C-alpha atoms as a PDB file:
ATOM      1  CA  UNK A   1      40.012 257.600  91.521  1.00  0.00           C
ATOM      2  CA  UNK A   2      40.744 254.497  89.672  1.00  0.00           C
ATOM      3  CA  UNK A   3      38.700 253.606  86.510  1.00  0.00           C
ATOM      4  CA  UNK A   4      37.765 250.193  88.143  1.00  0.00           C
ATOM      5  CA  UNK A   5      36.088 252.339  91.133  1.00  0.00           C
ATOM      6  CA  UNK A   6      34.337 255.001  88.672  1.00  0.00           C
ATOM      7  CA  UNK A   7      32.634 251.709  87.287  1.00  0.00           C
ATOM      8  CA  UNK A   8      32.086 249.634  90.601  1.00  0.00           C
ATOM      9  CA  UNK A   9      30.037 252.138  92.990  1.00  0.00           C
ATOM     10  CA  UNK A  10      28.524 250.863  95.639  1.00  0.00           C
ATOM     11  CA  UNK A  11      24.691 251.178  95.846  1.00  0.00           C
ATOM     12  CA  UNK A  12      22.960 251.674  98.941  1.00  0.00           C
ATOM     13  CA  UNK A  13      19.234 252.763  99.139  1.00  0.00           C
ATOM     14  CA  UNK A  14      19.744 253.917  95.564  1.00  0.00           C
ATOM     15  CA  UNK A  15      22.876 256.207  96.598  1.00  0.00           C
ATOM     16  CA  UNK A  16      25.966 255.490  94.610  1.00  0.00           C
ATOM     17  CA  UNK A  17      29.600 255.269  96.875  1.00  0.00           C
ATOM     18  CA  UNK A  18      33.102 255.093  95.104  1.00  0.00           C
ATOM     19  CA  UNK A  19      34.638 253.856  98.504  1.00  0.00           C
ATOM     20  CA  UNK A  20      33.604 250.781 100.081  1.00  0.00           C
ATOM     21  CA  UNK A  21      35.237 251.137 103.246  1.00  0.00           C
ATOM     22  CA  UNK A  22      32.788 252.911 105.973  1.00  0.00           C
ATOM     23  CA  UNK A  23      34.210 253.823 109.197  1.00  0.00           C
ATOM     24  CA  UNK A  24      33.296 255.069 112.738  1.00  0.00           C
ATOM     25  CA  UNK A  25      34.084 258.568 114.645  1.00  0.00           C
ATOM     26  CA  UNK A  26      34.704 256.703 117.952  1.00  0.00           C
ATOM     27  CA  UNK A  27      37.847 256.090 120.326  1.00  0.00           C
ATOM     28  CA  UNK A  28      40.033 258.443 118.622  1.00  0.00           C
ATOM     29  CA  UNK A  29      41.829 261.014 121.281  1.00  0.00           C
ATOM     30  CA  UNK A  30      40.608 264.062 119.998  1.00  0.00           C
ATOM     31  CA  UNK A  31      38.341 265.679 117.171  1.00  0.00           C
ATOM     32  CA  UNK A  32      41.652 266.704 115.529  1.00  0.00           C
ATOM     33  CA  UNK A  33      42.556 263.063 115.044  1.00  0.00           C
ATOM     34  CA  UNK A  34      39.107 261.927 114.375  1.00  0.00           C
ATOM     35  CA  UNK A  35      38.939 264.292 110.935  1.00  0.00           C
ATOM     36  CA  UNK A  36      42.412 263.504 109.792  1.00  0.00           C
ATOM     37  CA  UNK A  37      42.120 259.617 109.728  1.00  0.00           C
ATOM     38  CA  UNK A  38      38.364 259.995 108.374  1.00  0.00           C
ATOM     39  CA  UNK A  39      39.551 262.115 105.299  1.00  0.00           C
ATOM     40  CA  UNK A  40      42.685 259.612 105.028  1.00  0.00           C
ATOM     41  CA  UNK A  41      40.814 256.465 105.019  1.00  0.00           C
ATOM     42  CA  UNK A  42      39.015 258.041 101.763  1.00  0.00           C
ATOM     43  CA  UNK A  43      35.508 256.583 103.254  1.00  0.00           C
ATOM     44  CA  UNK A  44      32.441 258.283 102.228  1.00  0.00           C
ATOM     45  CA  UNK A  45      30.017 257.224 104.785  1.00  0.00           C
ATOM     46  CA  UNK A  46      30.673 257.487 108.460  1.00  0.00           C
ATOM     47  CA  UNK A  47      29.052 256.120 111.439  1.00  0.00           C
ATOM     48  CA  UNK A  48      28.470 257.972 114.738  1.00  0.00           C
ATOM     49  CA  UNK A  49      26.815 256.625 117.999  1.00  0.00           C
ATOM     50  CA  UNK A  50      23.866 259.246 118.698  1.00  0.00           C
ATOM     51  CA  UNK A  51      23.806 258.888 122.241  1.00  0.00           C
ATOM     52  CA  UNK A  52      27.540 259.191 122.803  1.00  0.00           C
ATOM     53  CA  UNK A  53      28.130 261.976 120.333  1.00  0.00           C
ATOM     54  CA  UNK A  54      27.247 265.590 120.057  1.00  0.00           C
ATOM     55  CA  UNK A  55      25.741 266.280 117.008  1.00  0.00           C
ATOM     56  CA  UNK A  56      24.504 269.713 118.021  1.00  0.00           C
ATOM     57  CA  UNK A  57      22.207 268.456 120.903  1.00  0.00           C
ATOM     58  CA  UNK A  58      24.576 270.026 123.309  1.00  0.00           C
ATOM     59  CA  UNK A  59      25.510 273.325 122.363  1.00  0.00           C
ATOM     60  CA  UNK A  60      28.338 273.920 124.855  1.00  0.00           C
ATOM     61  CA  UNK A  61      30.232 270.934 123.564  1.00  0.00           C
ATOM     62  CA  UNK A  62      32.396 270.057 120.914  1.00  0.00           C
ATOM     63  CA  UNK A  63      30.735 269.003 117.835  1.00  0.00           C
ATOM     64  CA  UNK A  64      31.432 266.062 116.129  1.00  0.00           C
ATOM     65  CA  UNK A  65      29.751 267.905 112.738  1.00  0.00           C
ATOM     66  CA  UNK A  66      32.884 270.293 112.824  1.00  0.00           C
ATOM     67  CA  UNK A  67      35.110 267.863 111.676  1.00  0.00           C
ATOM     68  CA  UNK A  68      32.455 265.382 109.810  1.00  0.00           C
ATOM     69  CA  UNK A  69      31.052 267.803 107.306  1.00  0.00           C
ATOM     70  CA  UNK A  70      27.770 266.530 106.304  1.00  0.00           C
ATOM     71  CA  UNK A  71      28.248 268.461 103.001  1.00  0.00           C
ATOM     72  CA  UNK A  72      31.559 266.084 102.241  1.00  0.00           C
ATOM     73  CA  UNK A  73      30.193 262.864 103.844  1.00  0.00           C
ATOM     74  CA  UNK A  74      26.986 260.918 104.230  1.00  0.00           C
ATOM     75  CA  UNK A  75      26.382 260.437 108.065  1.00  0.00           C
ATOM     76  CA  UNK A  76      25.180 257.231 109.343  1.00  0.00           C
ATOM     77  CA  UNK A  77      23.711 257.821 113.047  1.00  0.00           C
ATOM     78  CA  UNK A  78      23.689 254.458 114.777  1.00  0.00           C
ATOM     79  CA  UNK A  79      21.945 253.149 118.021  1.00  0.00           C
ATOM     80  CA  UNK A  80      25.144 252.104 119.835  1.00  0.00           C
ATOM     81  CA  UNK A  81      24.630 251.712 123.525  1.00  0.00           C
ATOM     82  CA  UNK A  82      20.966 250.520 122.695  1.00  0.00           C
ATOM     83  CA  UNK A  83      19.653 247.336 124.504  1.00  0.00           C
ATOM     84  CA  UNK A  84      15.939 247.371 123.250  1.00  0.00           C
ATOM     85  CA  UNK A  85      14.115 247.809 120.528  1.00  0.00           C
ATOM     86  CA  UNK A  86      12.205 251.171 121.965  1.00  0.00           C
ATOM     87  CA  UNK A  87      15.546 252.660 123.149  1.00  0.00           C
ATOM     88  CA  UNK A  88      16.820 252.164 119.326  1.00  0.00           C
ATOM     89  CA  UNK A  89      13.917 253.916 117.661  1.00  0.00           C
ATOM     90  CA  UNK A  90      13.747 256.800 119.997  1.00  0.00           C
ATOM     91  CA  UNK A  91      17.498 257.512 119.140  1.00  0.00           C
ATOM     92  CA  UNK A  92      16.794 256.811 115.208  1.00  0.00           C
ATOM     93  CA  UNK A  93      14.388 259.591 115.679  1.00  0.00           C
ATOM     94  CA  UNK A  94      16.792 261.751 117.714  1.00  0.00           C
ATOM     95  CA  UNK A  95      19.346 261.445 115.035  1.00  0.00           C
ATOM     96  CA  UNK A  96      16.312 262.376 112.065  1.00  0.00           C
ATOM     97  CA  UNK A  97      15.588 265.618 114.175  1.00  0.00           C
ATOM     98  CA  UNK A  98      19.094 266.956 114.803  1.00  0.00           C
ATOM     99  CA  UNK A  99      20.129 266.005 111.374  1.00  0.00           C
ATOM    100  CA  UNK A 100      17.154 267.941 109.453  1.00  0.00           C
ATOM    101  CA  UNK A 101      14.945 264.925 107.928  1.00  0.00           C
ATOM    102  CA  UNK A 102      17.758 262.616 107.517  1.00  0.00           C
ATOM    103  CA  UNK A 103      16.858 258.823 107.332  1.00  0.00           C
ATOM    104  CA  UNK A 104      20.015 256.535 106.703  1.00  0.00           C
ATOM    105  CA  UNK A 105      20.271 254.767 110.218  1.00  0.00           C
ATOM    106  CA  UNK A 106      22.385 252.041 111.623  1.00  0.00           C
ATOM    107  CA  UNK A 107      20.643 249.915 113.641  1.00  0.00           C
ATOM    108  CA  UNK A 108      22.166 247.960 116.542  1.00  0.00           C
ATOM    109  CA  UNK A 109      20.357 246.831 119.025  1.00  0.00           C
ATOM    110  CA  UNK A 110      22.942 244.882 121.597  1.00  0.00           C
ATOM    111  CA  UNK A 111      22.467 241.766 124.265  1.00  0.00           C
ATOM    112  CA  UNK A 112      24.873 242.505 126.972  1.00  0.00           C
ATOM    113  CA  UNK A 113      27.736 244.864 127.641  1.00  0.00           C
ATOM    114  CA  UNK A 114      30.408 241.903 127.991  1.00  0.00           C
ATOM    115  CA  UNK A 115      30.260 240.474 124.203  1.00  0.00           C
ATOM    116  CA  UNK A 116      27.702 243.397 122.905  1.00  0.00           C
ATOM    117  CA  UNK A 117      26.569 240.705 120.638  1.00  0.00           C
ATOM    118  CA  UNK A 118      23.226 241.727 118.849  1.00  0.00           C
ATOM    119  CA  UNK A 119      19.724 241.036 120.571  1.00  0.00           C
ATOM    120  CA  UNK A 120      17.832 239.553 117.824  1.00  0.00           C
ATOM    121  CA  UNK A 121      14.580 239.669 119.003  1.00  0.00           C
ATOM    122  CA  UNK A 122      14.927 243.318 119.716  1.00  0.00           C
ATOM    123  CA  UNK A 123      16.649 243.949 116.701  1.00  0.00           C
ATOM    124  CA  UNK A 124      13.694 242.508 114.450  1.00  0.00           C
ATOM    125  CA  UNK A 125      11.249 244.207 116.084  1.00  0.00           C
ATOM    126  CA  UNK A 126      12.918 247.753 115.671  1.00  0.00           C
ATOM    127  CA  UNK A 127      13.830 246.896 112.069  1.00  0.00           C
ATOM    128  CA  UNK A 128      10.054 246.750 111.583  1.00  0.00           C
ATOM    129  CA  UNK A 129       9.108 249.698 113.367  1.00  0.00           C
ATOM    130  CA  UNK A 130      11.885 251.803 111.495  1.00  0.00           C
ATOM    131  CA  UNK A 131      11.305 250.838 108.306  1.00  0.00           C
ATOM    132  CA  UNK A 132       7.513 251.556 108.949  1.00  0.00           C
ATOM    133  CA  UNK A 133       8.260 255.081 109.568  1.00  0.00           C
ATOM    134  CA  UNK A 134      10.352 255.876 106.668  1.00  0.00           C
ATOM    135  CA  UNK A 135      13.337 255.297 107.644  1.00  0.00           C
ATOM    136  CA  UNK A 136      16.174 253.120 105.591  1.00  0.00           C
ATOM    137  CA  UNK A 137      17.749 251.164 107.747  1.00  0.00           C
ATOM    138  CA  UNK A 138      21.270 249.464 107.469  1.00  0.00           C
ATOM    139  CA  UNK A 139      21.293 246.713 110.460  1.00  0.00           C
ATOM    140  CA  UNK A 140      23.904 245.156 112.597  1.00  0.00           C
ATOM    141  CA  UNK A 141      23.326 241.305 113.197  1.00  0.00           C
ATOM    142  CA  UNK A 142      24.837 237.817 114.038  1.00  0.00           C
ATOM    143  CA  UNK A 143      26.029 235.819 111.227  1.00  0.00           C
ATOM    144  CA  UNK A 144      22.855 233.895 110.746  1.00  0.00           C
ATOM    145  CA  UNK A 145      21.750 233.163 107.280  1.00  0.00           C
ATOM    146  CA  UNK A 146      17.799 233.042 108.459  1.00  0.00           C
ATOM    147  CA  UNK A 147      18.110 236.254 110.513  1.00  0.00           C
ATOM    148  CA  UNK A 148      19.990 237.785 107.795  1.00  0.00           C
ATOM    149  CA  UNK A 149      17.243 237.002 104.925  1.00  0.00           C
ATOM    150  CA  UNK A 150      14.439 238.054 107.318  1.00  0.00           C
ATOM    151  CA  UNK A 151      15.884 241.594 107.837  1.00  0.00           C
ATOM    152  CA  UNK A 152      15.991 241.901 104.218  1.00  0.00           C
ATOM    153  CA  UNK A 153      12.427 240.754 103.675  1.00  0.00           C
ATOM    154  CA  UNK A 154      11.216 243.311 106.608  1.00  0.00           C
ATOM    155  CA  UNK A 155      13.049 246.024 104.191  1.00  0.00           C
ATOM    156  CA  UNK A 156      16.611 246.942 105.734  1.00  0.00           C
ATOM    157  CA  UNK A 157      18.869 248.405 102.596  1.00  0.00           C
ATOM    158  CA  UNK A 158      21.749 246.673 103.606  1.00  0.00           C
ATOM    159  CA  UNK A 159      22.291 243.515 106.002  1.00  0.00           C
ATOM    160  CA  UNK A 160      25.687 243.705 108.172  1.00  0.00           C
ATOM    161  CA  UNK A 161      26.841 240.421 109.821  1.00  0.00           C
ATOM    162  CA  UNK A 162      29.485 240.189 112.483  1.00  0.00           C
ATOM    163  CA  UNK A 163      32.838 239.208 111.693  1.00  0.00           C
ATOM    164  CA  UNK A 164      33.638 238.712 115.148  1.00  0.00           C
ATOM    165  CA  UNK A 165      32.461 240.705 118.598  1.00  0.00           C
ATOM    166  CA  UNK A 166      32.843 244.922 118.012  1.00  0.00           C
ATOM    167  CA  UNK A 167      35.979 246.021 119.310  1.00  0.00           C
ATOM    168  CA  UNK A 168      37.851 242.542 119.568  1.00  0.00           C
ATOM    169  CA  UNK A 169      40.028 242.760 116.388  1.00  0.00           C
ATOM    170  CA  UNK A 170      39.712 238.736 116.231  1.00  0.00           C
ATOM    171  CA  UNK A 171      38.554 239.077 112.461  1.00  0.00           C
ATOM    172  CA  UNK A 172      36.325 236.947 110.248  1.00  0.00           C
ATOM    173  CA  UNK A 173      35.263 234.067 112.835  1.00  0.00           C
ATOM    174  CA  UNK A 174      32.885 232.366 110.666  1.00  0.00           C
ATOM    175  CA  UNK A 175      33.468 233.022 106.802  1.00  0.00           C
ATOM    176  CA  UNK A 176      31.235 230.206 105.702  1.00  0.00           C
ATOM    177  CA  UNK A 177      27.820 231.537 107.299  1.00  0.00           C
ATOM    178  CA  UNK A 178      28.787 235.100 105.671  1.00  0.00           C
ATOM    179  CA  UNK A 179      28.948 232.946 102.103  1.00  0.00           C
ATOM    180  CA  UNK A 180      25.887 231.542 103.275  1.00  0.00           C
ATOM    181  CA  UNK A 181      23.942 234.713 103.729  1.00  0.00           C
ATOM    182  CA  UNK A 182      25.693 236.477 100.667  1.00  0.00           C
ATOM    183  CA  UNK A 183      24.404 233.686  98.455  1.00  0.00           C
ATOM    184  CA  UNK A 184      20.473 235.016  99.316  1.00  0.00           C
ATOM    185  CA  UNK A 185      20.748 238.691  99.601  1.00  0.00           C
ATOM    186  CA  UNK A 186      19.492 241.169  97.295  1.00  0.00           C
ATOM    187  CA  UNK A 187      20.582 243.477  99.504  1.00  0.00           C
ATOM    188  CA  UNK A 188      24.338 244.914 100.111  1.00  0.00           C
ATOM    189  CA  UNK A 189      26.085 242.787 102.496  1.00  0.00           C
ATOM    190  CA  UNK A 190      28.544 244.498 104.336  1.00  0.00           C
ATOM    191  CA  UNK A 191      30.702 242.931 107.714  1.00  0.00           C
ATOM    192  CA  UNK A 192      30.354 245.135 110.476  1.00  0.00           C
ATOM    193  CA  UNK A 193      32.618 244.604 113.773  1.00  0.00           C
ATOM    194  CA  UNK A 194      35.713 242.476 114.330  1.00  0.00           C
ATOM    195  CA  UNK A 195      37.798 243.628 111.615  1.00  0.00           C
ATOM    196  CA  UNK A 196      41.458 243.944 113.046  1.00  0.00           C
ATOM    197  CA  UNK A 197      43.873 244.876 110.283  1.00  0.00           C
ATOM    198  CA  UNK A 198      43.659 245.593 106.220  1.00  0.00           C
ATOM    199  CA  UNK A 199      44.621 241.421 105.659  1.00  0.00           C
ATOM    200  CA  UNK A 200      41.331 240.805 107.229  1.00  0.00           C
ATOM    201  CA  UNK A 201      39.488 243.582 105.313  1.00  0.00           C
ATOM    202  CA  UNK A 202      40.897 242.191 102.068  1.00  0.00           C
ATOM    203  CA  UNK A 203      39.330 239.032 103.146  1.00  0.00           C
ATOM    204  CA  UNK A 204      36.057 240.133 103.656  1.00  0.00           C
ATOM    205  CA  UNK A 205      36.180 241.880 100.459  1.00  0.00           C
ATOM    206  CA  UNK A 206      37.657 238.987  98.262  1.00  0.00           C
ATOM    207  CA  UNK A 207      34.984 236.634  99.951  1.00  0.00           C
ATOM    208  CA  UNK A 208      32.359 239.144  98.118  1.00  0.00           C
ATOM    209  CA  UNK A 209      31.329 241.486 100.707  1.00  0.00           C
ATOM    210  CA  UNK A 210      29.786 244.820  99.467  1.00  0.00           C
ATOM    211  CA  UNK A 211      32.057 246.822 101.752  1.00  0.00           C
ATOM    212  CA  UNK A 212      33.397 246.559 105.489  1.00  0.00           C
ATOM    213  CA  UNK A 213      32.584 249.060 108.532  1.00  0.00           C
ATOM    214  CA  UNK A 214      36.058 249.555 110.250  1.00  0.00           C
ATOM    215  CA  UNK A 215      36.522 251.995 113.739  1.00  0.00           C
ATOM    216  CA  UNK A 216      38.578 249.890 116.601  1.00  0.00           C
ATOM    217  CA  UNK A 217      40.988 248.986 114.314  1.00  0.00           C
ATOM    218  CA  UNK A 218      41.764 252.177 112.557  1.00  0.00           C
ATOM    219  CA  UNK A 219      41.282 254.385 115.896  1.00  0.00           C
ATOM    220  CA  UNK A 220      42.893 251.915 118.251  1.00  0.00           C
ATOM    221  CA  UNK A 221      46.428 251.909 116.036  1.00  0.00           C
ATOM    222  CA  UNK A 222      49.602 253.239 117.120  1.00  0.00           C
ATOM    223  CA  UNK A 223      49.242 255.895 114.106  1.00  0.00           C
ATOM    224  CA  UNK A 224      45.586 256.136 113.093  1.00  0.00           C
ATOM    225  CA  UNK A 225      45.865 257.756 109.998  1.00  0.00           C
ATOM    226  CA  UNK A 226      48.723 255.047 108.325  1.00  0.00           C
ATOM    227  CA  UNK A 227      45.698 252.344 109.231  1.00  0.00           C
ATOM    228  CA  UNK A 228      43.307 254.777 107.623  1.00  0.00           C
ATOM    229  CA  UNK A 229      45.301 254.607 104.472  1.00  0.00           C
ATOM    230  CA  UNK A 230      46.216 250.917 104.897  1.00  0.00           C
ATOM    231  CA  UNK A 231      42.555 249.977 105.054  1.00  0.00           C
ATOM    232  CA  UNK A 232      41.656 251.986 102.116  1.00  0.00           C
ATOM    233  CA  UNK A 233      43.959 250.274 100.253  1.00  0.00           C
ATOM    234  CA  UNK A 234      43.167 246.962 101.211  1.00  0.00           C
ATOM    235  CA  UNK A 235      39.238 247.229 100.776  1.00  0.00           C
ATOM    236  CA  UNK A 236      39.849 248.099  97.151  1.00  0.00           C
ATOM    237  CA  UNK A 237      42.104 245.893  96.428  1.00  0.00           C
ATOM    238  CA  UNK A 238      40.576 242.724  97.923  1.00  0.00           C
ATOM    239  CA  UNK A 239      37.314 244.207  95.777  1.00  0.00           C
ATOM    240  CA  UNK A 240      39.668 244.246  92.686  1.00  0.00           C
ATOM    241  CA  UNK A 241      40.554 240.436  93.954  1.00  0.00           C
ATOM    242  CA  UNK A 242      37.078 239.629  94.127  1.00  0.00           C
ATOM    243  CA  UNK A 243      36.346 240.537  90.627  1.00  0.00           C
ATOM    244  CA  UNK A 244      39.377 239.487  89.008  1.00  0.00           C
ATOM    245  CA  UNK A 245      38.311 236.022  90.115  1.00  0.00           C
ATOM    246  CA  UNK A 246      41.260 233.630  91.680  1.00  0.00           C
ATOM    247  CA  UNK A 247      42.935 231.179  89.891  1.00  0.00           C
ATOM    248  CA  UNK A 248      41.458 227.623  90.456  1.00  0.00           C
ATOM    249  CA  UNK A 249      43.062 225.445  93.731  1.00  0.00           C
ATOM    250  CA  UNK A 250      44.810 222.263  92.520  1.00  0.00           C
ATOM    251  CA  UNK A 251      46.073 219.390  94.382  1.00  0.00           C
ATOM    252  CA  UNK A 252      49.515 219.592  92.667  1.00  0.00           C
ATOM    253  CA  UNK A 253      52.173 221.513  91.355  1.00  0.00           C
ATOM    254  CA  UNK A 254      51.107 223.390  87.601  1.00  0.00           C
ATOM    255  CA  UNK A 255      54.390 224.676  85.783  1.00  0.00           C
ATOM    256  CA  UNK A 256      54.198 228.702  85.714  1.00  0.00           C
ATOM    257  CA  UNK A 257      55.615 228.498  82.073  1.00  0.00           C
ATOM    258  CA  UNK A 258      54.119 226.980  79.152  1.00  0.00           C
ATOM    259  CA  UNK A 259      55.485 223.606  78.181  1.00  0.00           C
ATOM    260  CA  UNK A 260      54.940 223.800  74.567  1.00  0.00           C
ATOM    261  CA  UNK A 261      58.097 223.966  72.704  1.00  0.00           C
ATOM    262  CA  UNK A 262      60.311 222.908  75.448  1.00  0.00           C
ATOM    263  CA  UNK A 263      63.835 221.617  74.105  1.00  0.00           C
ATOM    264  CA  UNK A 264      63.846 218.512  75.560  1.00  0.00           C
ATOM    265  CA  UNK A 265      66.897 216.012  75.364  1.00  0.00           C
END
């Protein structure tokens, strides 16, 4: 762990994390690859779809917790596959029951199966219910600054605007809106969905995002473990670049060597 990482933690709901890369558990070829890739990523927060993952509700099937230990990782059960607020709330309550009272969740309420774009009306409705029910909600949303602010006001502990469509690998399509969201935010803003390459993860971090969530870009790579390592490095490099503050852009050249003391003819 570098000195910077030690002194620059990600704080979510009062909990401190050294890694700003969050990862998912879907799309890997098997449990062994899932565990190996997540370990290689250095991530501390790991999200899983409660409706599609066995967390103990099916005792005769492989249990994800056998490779993603709650003692090592902070689990982030999510509501992937939910299309109504009621379904999302019910899924979070199931996760809390399965995980002995665990209250940190990732809320996503989808609008349709083709785009997996968030249904904002249902997302806001579910967020209000879950916050009132004592959940710490990290919420997937679109890149609308007004919606992001509303979700923060409801009490969500982190707002997670999409970079582009889930699983698309198209990168950050509207960096301007994400910057607008960050300008007004008092909770962490993390890019969720659309990251395809380490350079795109670094871009999000250089912009000032608190972190990024990556799943498909790692699981869908030809060598997921190697890609997981690359994402870890990219997120750290992007964060360090943001803190360093880039040089100003100039319209014309500026000599990199000082001109004072130059010998002239």
